[in-house]
Amino acid sequence: ARAFTTSSLSKPRSAPSARRAPLIVRAKD
């Protein structure tokens, strides 16, 4: 109920302290 309230959508969320590296899956060339 709180996750989709107007206030929660309008206010930017604080950035996490450490950004996770994206997971990249490379196909065999």
PDB file of all heavy atoms in Angstrom:
ATOM      1  N   ALA A   1       0.829  -1.211   0.000  1.00  0.00           N
ATOM      2  CA  ALA A   1       0.000   0.000   0.000  1.00  0.00           C
ATOM      3  C   ALA A   1       0.857   1.252   0.000  1.00  0.00           C
ATOM      4  O   ALA A   1       0.515   2.265  -0.593  1.00  0.00           O
ATOM      5  CB  ALA A   1      -0.918  -0.001   1.221  1.00  0.00           C
ATOM      6  N   ARG A   2       2.027   1.201   0.677  1.00  0.00           N
ATOM      7  CA  ARG A   2       2.892   2.372   0.741  1.00  0.00           C
ATOM      8  C   ARG A   2       3.800   2.466  -0.473  1.00  0.00           C
ATOM      9  O   ARG A   2       4.291   3.527  -0.832  1.00  0.00           O
ATOM     10  CB  ARG A   2       3.764   2.298   2.006  1.00  0.00           C
ATOM     11  CG  ARG A   2       2.977   2.483   3.287  1.00  0.00           C
ATOM     12  CD  ARG A   2       3.907   2.302   4.465  1.00  0.00           C
ATOM     13  NE  ARG A   2       5.089   3.178   4.314  1.00  0.00           N
ATOM     14  CZ  ARG A   2       6.195   3.008   5.021  1.00  0.00           C
ATOM     15  NH1 ARG A   2       6.282   1.999   5.880  1.00  0.00           N
ATOM     16  NH2 ARG A   2       7.213   3.829   4.864  1.00  0.00           N
ATOM     17  N   ALA A   3       4.049   1.321  -1.098  1.00  0.00           N
ATOM     18  CA  ALA A   3       5.014   1.313  -2.191  1.00  0.00           C
ATOM     19  C   ALA A   3       4.553   2.140  -3.367  1.00  0.00           C
ATOM     20  O   ALA A   3       5.362   2.695  -4.101  1.00  0.00           O
ATOM     21  CB  ALA A   3       5.271  -0.121  -2.639  1.00  0.00           C
ATOM     22  N   PHE A   4       3.255   2.266  -3.606  1.00  0.00           N
ATOM     23  CA  PHE A   4       2.743   2.958  -4.772  1.00  0.00           C
ATOM     24  C   PHE A   4       1.949   4.209  -4.417  1.00  0.00           C
ATOM     25  O   PHE A   4       1.076   4.634  -5.161  1.00  0.00           O
ATOM     26  CB  PHE A   4       1.867   2.007  -5.613  1.00  0.00           C
ATOM     27  CG  PHE A   4       2.645   0.880  -6.209  1.00  0.00           C
ATOM     28  CD1 PHE A   4       2.672  -0.364  -5.589  1.00  0.00           C
ATOM     29  CD2 PHE A   4       3.364   1.066  -7.374  1.00  0.00           C
ATOM     30  CE1 PHE A   4       3.394  -1.395  -6.137  1.00  0.00           C
ATOM     31  CE2 PHE A   4       4.083   0.032  -7.912  1.00  0.00           C
ATOM     32  CZ  PHE A   4       4.111  -1.204  -7.305  1.00  0.00           C
ATOM     33  N   THR A   5       2.220   4.825  -3.278  1.00  0.00           N
ATOM     34  CA  THR A   5       1.554   6.082  -2.933  1.00  0.00           C
ATOM     35  C   THR A   5       2.164   7.201  -3.746  1.00  0.00           C
ATOM     36  O   THR A   5       3.274   7.112  -4.263  1.00  0.00           O
ATOM     37  CB  THR A   5       1.719   6.382  -1.437  1.00  0.00           C
ATOM     38  OG1 THR A   5       3.111   6.482  -1.148  1.00  0.00           O
ATOM     39  CG2 THR A   5       1.077   5.313  -0.587  1.00  0.00           C
ATOM     40  N   THR A   6       1.456   8.310  -3.868  1.00  0.00           N
ATOM     41  CA  THR A   6       1.933   9.455  -4.640  1.00  0.00           C
ATOM     42  C   THR A   6       3.236   9.987  -4.103  1.00  0.00           C
ATOM     43  O   THR A   6       4.144  10.342  -4.845  1.00  0.00           O
ATOM     44  CB  THR A   6       0.866  10.583  -4.614  1.00  0.00           C
ATOM     45  OG1 THR A   6      -0.370  10.059  -5.073  1.00  0.00           O
ATOM     46  CG2 THR A   6       1.314  11.754  -5.479  1.00  0.00           C
ATOM     47  N   SER A   7       3.353  10.038  -2.773  1.00  0.00           N
ATOM     48  CA  SER A   7       4.572  10.579  -2.183  1.00  0.00           C
ATOM     49  C   SER A   7       5.780   9.711  -2.502  1.00  0.00           C
ATOM     50  O   SER A   7       6.860  10.202  -2.749  1.00  0.00           O
ATOM     51  CB  SER A   7       4.415  10.707  -0.665  1.00  0.00           C
ATOM     52  OG  SER A   7       4.139   9.437  -0.096  1.00  0.00           O
ATOM     53  N   SER A   8       5.580   8.413  -2.501  1.00  0.00           N
ATOM     54  CA  SER A   8       6.707   7.532  -2.753  1.00  0.00           C
ATOM     55  C   SER A   8       7.145   7.597  -4.210  1.00  0.00           C
ATOM     56  O   SER A   8       8.305   7.376  -4.535  1.00  0.00           O
ATOM     57  CB  SER A   8       6.362   6.083  -2.391  1.00  0.00           C
ATOM     58  OG  SER A   8       5.317   5.606  -3.231  1.00  0.00           O
ATOM     59  N   LEU A   9       6.223   7.914  -5.140  1.00  0.00           N
ATOM     60  CA  LEU A   9       6.559   8.012  -6.550  1.00  0.00           C
ATOM     61  C   LEU A   9       7.171   9.364  -6.892  1.00  0.00           C
ATOM     62  O   LEU A   9       7.979   9.479  -7.801  1.00  0.00           O
ATOM     63  CB  LEU A   9       5.313   7.780  -7.420  1.00  0.00           C
ATOM     64  CG  LEU A   9       4.726   6.368  -7.378  1.00  0.00           C
ATOM     65  CD1 LEU A   9       3.454   6.313  -8.190  1.00  0.00           C
ATOM     66  CD2 LEU A   9       5.744   5.351  -7.899  1.00  0.00           C
ATOM     67  N   SER A  10       6.771  10.382  -6.183  1.00  0.00           N
ATOM     68  CA  SER A  10       7.224  11.729  -6.516  1.00  0.00           C
ATOM     69  C   SER A  10       8.590  12.048  -5.936  1.00  0.00           C
ATOM     70  O   SER A  10       9.334  12.838  -6.482  1.00  0.00           O
ATOM     71  CB  SER A  10       6.212  12.759  -6.011  1.00  0.00           C
ATOM     72  OG  SER A  10       6.069  12.657  -4.602  1.00  0.00           O
ATOM     73  N   LYS A  11       8.944  11.459  -4.828  1.00  0.00           N
ATOM     74  CA  LYS A  11      10.212  11.761  -4.202  1.00  0.00           C
ATOM     75  C   LYS A  11      11.282  10.795  -4.715  1.00  0.00           C
ATOM     76  O   LYS A  11      11.076   9.598  -4.730  1.00  0.00           O
ATOM     77  CB  LYS A  11      10.105  11.614  -2.672  1.00  0.00           C
ATOM     78  CG  LYS A  11       9.189  12.640  -2.044  1.00  0.00           C
ATOM     79  CD  LYS A  11       9.149  12.441  -0.548  1.00  0.00           C
ATOM     80  CE  LYS A  11       8.225  13.460   0.109  1.00  0.00           C
ATOM     81  NZ  LYS A  11       8.163  13.269   1.569  1.00  0.00           N
ATOM     82  N   PRO A  12      12.405  11.329  -5.181  1.00  0.00           N
ATOM     83  CA  PRO A  12      13.466  10.432  -5.645  1.00  0.00           C
ATOM     84  C   PRO A  12      14.063   9.643  -4.502  1.00  0.00           C
ATOM     85  O   PRO A  12      14.245  10.161  -3.413  1.00  0.00           O
ATOM     86  CB  PRO A  12      14.499  11.408  -6.255  1.00  0.00           C
ATOM     87  CG  PRO A  12      14.262  12.692  -5.539  1.00  0.00           C
ATOM     88  CD  PRO A  12      12.778  12.744  -5.260  1.00  0.00           C
ATOM     89  N   ARG A  13      14.365   8.394  -4.806  1.00  0.00           N
ATOM     90  CA  ARG A  13      14.952   7.553  -3.788  1.00  0.00           C
ATOM     91  C   ARG A  13      16.433   7.858  -3.683  1.00  0.00           C
ATOM     92  O   ARG A  13      17.107   8.160  -4.658  1.00  0.00           O
ATOM     93  CB  ARG A  13      14.740   6.073  -4.156  1.00  0.00           C
ATOM     94  CG  ARG A  13      13.278   5.681  -4.238  1.00  0.00           C
ATOM     95  CD  ARG A  13      13.134   4.223  -4.613  1.00  0.00           C
ATOM     96  NE  ARG A  13      13.754   3.373  -3.606  1.00  0.00           N
ATOM     97  CZ  ARG A  13      13.800   2.050  -3.727  1.00  0.00           C
ATOM     98  NH1 ARG A  13      13.312   1.461  -4.798  1.00  0.00           N
ATOM     99  NH2 ARG A  13      14.363   1.329  -2.785  1.00  0.00           N
ATOM    100  N   SER A  14      16.945   7.780  -2.480  1.00  0.00           N
ATOM    101  CA  SER A  14      18.363   8.043  -2.284  1.00  0.00           C
ATOM    102  C   SER A  14      19.186   6.954  -2.943  1.00  0.00           C
ATOM    103  O   SER A  14      18.816   5.789  -2.938  1.00  0.00           O
ATOM    104  CB  SER A  14      18.688   8.106  -0.778  1.00  0.00           C
ATOM    105  OG  SER A  14      18.337   6.878  -0.164  1.00  0.00           O
ATOM    106  N   ALA A  15      20.313   7.359  -3.541  1.00  0.00           N
ATOM    107  CA  ALA A  15      21.169   6.404  -4.244  1.00  0.00           C
ATOM    108  C   ALA A  15      21.819   5.461  -3.257  1.00  0.00           C
ATOM    109  O   ALA A  15      22.188   5.857  -2.154  1.00  0.00           O
ATOM    110  CB  ALA A  15      22.251   7.159  -5.018  1.00  0.00           C
ATOM    111  N   PRO A  16      21.964   4.216  -3.604  1.00  0.00           N
ATOM    112  CA  PRO A  16      22.628   3.275  -2.702  1.00  0.00           C
ATOM    113  C   PRO A  16      24.082   3.656  -2.531  1.00  0.00           C
ATOM    114  O   PRO A  16      24.694   4.291  -3.385  1.00  0.00           O
ATOM    115  CB  PRO A  16      22.468   1.923  -3.418  1.00  0.00           C
ATOM    116  CG  PRO A  16      22.269   2.274  -4.857  1.00  0.00           C
ATOM    117  CD  PRO A  16      21.530   3.578  -4.854  1.00  0.00           C
ATOM    118  N   SER A  17      24.646   3.257  -1.425  1.00  0.00           N
ATOM    119  CA  SER A  17      26.032   3.610  -1.130  1.00  0.00           C
ATOM    120  C   SER A  17      27.000   2.952  -2.099  1.00  0.00           C
ATOM    121  O   SER A  17      28.024   3.512  -2.446  1.00  0.00           O
ATOM    122  CB  SER A  17      26.381   3.193   0.311  1.00  0.00           C
ATOM    123  OG  SER A  17      26.145   1.796   0.464  1.00  0.00           O
ATOM    124  N   ALA A  18      26.676   1.777  -2.566  1.00  0.00           N
ATOM    125  CA  ALA A  18      27.556   1.087  -3.504  1.00  0.00           C
ATOM    126  C   ALA A  18      26.714   0.488  -4.628  1.00  0.00           C
ATOM    127  O   ALA A  18      25.813  -0.301  -4.368  1.00  0.00           O
ATOM    128  CB  ALA A  18      28.345  -0.015  -2.790  1.00  0.00           C
ATOM    129  N   ARG A  19      26.972   0.919  -5.881  1.00  0.00           N
ATOM    130  CA  ARG A  19      26.200   0.422  -7.019  1.00  0.00           C
ATOM    131  C   ARG A  19      26.755  -0.927  -7.476  1.00  0.00           C
ATOM    132  O   ARG A  19      27.954  -1.092  -7.651  1.00  0.00           O
ATOM    133  CB  ARG A  19      26.276   1.418  -8.175  1.00  0.00           C
ATOM    134  CG  ARG A  19      25.406   1.019  -9.385  1.00  0.00           C
ATOM    135  CD  ARG A  19      25.557   2.040 -10.489  1.00  0.00           C
ATOM    136  NE  ARG A  19      25.063   3.338 -10.039  1.00  0.00           N
ATOM    137  CZ  ARG A  19      23.792   3.699 -10.096  1.00  0.00           C
ATOM    138  NH1 ARG A  19      22.895   2.852 -10.563  1.00  0.00           N
ATOM    139  NH2 ARG A  19      23.421   4.899  -9.691  1.00  0.00           N
ATOM    140  N   ARG A  20      25.850  -1.842  -7.650  1.00  0.00           N
ATOM    141  CA  ARG A  20      26.262  -3.168  -8.096  1.00  0.00           C
ATOM    142  C   ARG A  20      26.639  -3.137  -9.571  1.00  0.00           C
ATOM    143  O   ARG A  20      26.018  -2.446 -10.379  1.00  0.00           O
ATOM    144  CB  ARG A  20      25.135  -4.182  -7.884  1.00  0.00           C
ATOM    145  CG  ARG A  20      24.835  -4.468  -6.416  1.00  0.00           C
ATOM    146  CD  ARG A  20      23.781  -5.557  -6.326  1.00  0.00           C
ATOM    147  NE  ARG A  20      23.488  -5.889  -4.943  1.00  0.00           N
ATOM    148  CZ  ARG A  20      22.590  -6.813  -4.586  1.00  0.00           C
ATOM    149  NH1 ARG A  20      21.917  -7.466  -5.516  1.00  0.00           N
ATOM    150  NH2 ARG A  20      22.379  -7.069  -3.306  1.00  0.00           N
ATOM    151  N   ALA A  21      27.650  -3.884  -9.931  1.00  0.00           N
ATOM    152  CA  ALA A  21      28.059  -3.981 -11.331  1.00  0.00           C
ATOM    153  C   ALA A  21      27.001  -4.759 -12.102  1.00  0.00           C
ATOM    154  O   ALA A  21      26.466  -5.757 -11.615  1.00  0.00           O
ATOM    155  CB  ALA A  21      29.412  -4.693 -11.442  1.00  0.00           C
ATOM    156  N   PRO A  22      26.649  -4.284 -13.305  1.00  0.00           N
ATOM    157  CA  PRO A  22      25.635  -4.996 -14.087  1.00  0.00           C
ATOM    158  C   PRO A  22      26.108  -6.376 -14.501  1.00  0.00           C
ATOM    159  O   PRO A  22      27.303  -6.591 -14.748  1.00  0.00           O
ATOM    160  CB  PRO A  22      25.445  -4.085 -15.314  1.00  0.00           C
ATOM    161  CG  PRO A  22      26.741  -3.338 -15.419  1.00  0.00           C
ATOM    162  CD  PRO A  22      27.201  -3.136 -14.003  1.00  0.00           C
ATOM    163  N   LEU A  23      25.182  -7.281 -14.568  1.00  0.00           N
ATOM    164  CA  LEU A  23      25.497  -8.641 -14.970  1.00  0.00           C
ATOM    165  C   LEU A  23      25.467  -8.710 -16.497  1.00  0.00           C
ATOM    166  O   LEU A  23      24.446  -8.426 -17.121  1.00  0.00           O
ATOM    167  CB  LEU A  23      24.480  -9.627 -14.387  1.00  0.00           C
ATOM    168  CG  LEU A  23      24.649 -11.094 -14.799  1.00  0.00           C
ATOM    169  CD1 LEU A  23      25.990 -11.627 -14.331  1.00  0.00           C
ATOM    170  CD2 LEU A  23      23.514 -11.936 -14.232  1.00  0.00           C
ATOM    171  N   ILE A  24      26.592  -9.029 -17.104  1.00  0.00           N
ATOM    172  CA  ILE A  24      26.696  -9.106 -18.557  1.00  0.00           C
ATOM    173  C   ILE A  24      26.992 -10.540 -18.944  1.00  0.00           C
ATOM    174  O   ILE A  24      27.970 -11.130 -18.484  1.00  0.00           O
ATOM    175  CB  ILE A  24      27.801  -8.186 -19.089  1.00  0.00           C
ATOM    176  CG1 ILE A  24      27.508  -6.732 -18.702  1.00  0.00           C
ATOM    177  CG2 ILE A  24      27.942  -8.309 -20.600  1.00  0.00           C
ATOM    178  CD1 ILE A  24      28.596  -5.776 -19.125  1.00  0.00           C
ATOM    179  N   VAL A  25      26.144 -11.081 -19.779  1.00  0.00           N
ATOM    180  CA  VAL A  25      26.337 -12.439 -20.269  1.00  0.00           C
ATOM    181  C   VAL A  25      26.779 -12.349 -21.715  1.00  0.00           C
ATOM    182  O   VAL A  25      26.048 -11.851 -22.562  1.00  0.00           O
ATOM    183  CB  VAL A  25      25.041 -13.266 -20.152  1.00  0.00           C
ATOM    184  CG1 VAL A  25      25.267 -14.673 -20.700  1.00  0.00           C
ATOM    185  CG2 VAL A  25      24.567 -13.312 -18.705  1.00  0.00           C
ATOM    186  N   ARG A  26      27.978 -12.793 -22.013  1.00  0.00           N
ATOM    187  CA  ARG A  26      28.515 -12.727 -23.356  1.00  0.00           C
ATOM    188  C   ARG A  26      28.436 -14.101 -24.017  1.00  0.00           C
ATOM    189  O   ARG A  26      28.906 -15.081 -23.464  1.00  0.00           O
ATOM    190  CB  ARG A  26      29.972 -12.250 -23.329  1.00  0.00           C
ATOM    191  CG  ARG A  26      30.144 -10.846 -22.738  1.00  0.00           C
ATOM    192  CD  ARG A  26      31.589 -10.399 -22.873  1.00  0.00           C
ATOM    193  NE  ARG A  26      31.814  -9.103 -22.252  1.00  0.00           N
ATOM    194  CZ  ARG A  26      31.567  -7.926 -22.826  1.00  0.00           C
ATOM    195  NH1 ARG A  26      31.064  -7.912 -24.042  1.00  0.00           N
ATOM    196  NH2 ARG A  26      31.811  -6.795 -22.195  1.00  0.00           N
ATOM    197  N   ALA A  27      27.846 -14.099 -25.211  1.00  0.00           N
ATOM    198  CA  ALA A  27      27.799 -15.342 -25.966  1.00  0.00           C
ATOM    199  C   ALA A  27      29.162 -15.610 -26.591  1.00  0.00           C
ATOM    200  O   ALA A  27      29.946 -14.700 -26.823  1.00  0.00           O
ATOM    201  CB  ALA A  27      26.733 -15.247 -27.060  1.00  0.00           C
ATOM    202  N   LYS A  28      29.453 -16.845 -26.844  1.00  0.00           N
ATOM    203  CA  LYS A  28      30.722 -17.221 -27.457  1.00  0.00           C
ATOM    204  C   LYS A  28      30.787 -16.669 -28.874  1.00  0.00           C
ATOM    205  O   LYS A  28      29.848 -16.788 -29.649  1.00  0.00           O
ATOM    206  CB  LYS A  28      30.860 -18.740 -27.474  1.00  0.00           C
ATOM    207  CG  LYS A  28      32.181 -19.211 -28.048  1.00  0.00           C
ATOM    208  CD  LYS A  28      32.259 -20.721 -28.035  1.00  0.00           C
ATOM    209  CE  LYS A  28      33.573 -21.198 -28.633  1.00  0.00           C
ATOM    210  NZ  LYS A  28      33.668 -22.672 -28.654  1.00  0.00           N
ATOM    211  N   ASP A  29      31.907 -16.037 -29.213  1.00  0.00           N
ATOM    212  CA  ASP A  29      32.103 -15.463 -30.536  1.00  0.00           C
ATOM    213  C   ASP A  29      32.391 -16.585 -31.526  1.00  0.00           C
ATOM    214  O   ASP A  29      33.443 -17.221 -31.456  1.00  0.00           O
ATOM    215  CB  ASP A  29      33.260 -14.464 -30.488  1.00  0.00           C
ATOM    216  CG  ASP A  29      33.406 -13.697 -31.797  1.00  0.00           C
ATOM    217  OD1 ASP A  29      32.706 -14.052 -32.768  1.00  0.00           O
ATOM    218  OD2 ASP A  29      34.207 -12.752 -31.842  1.00  0.00           O
TER     219      ASP A  29
END
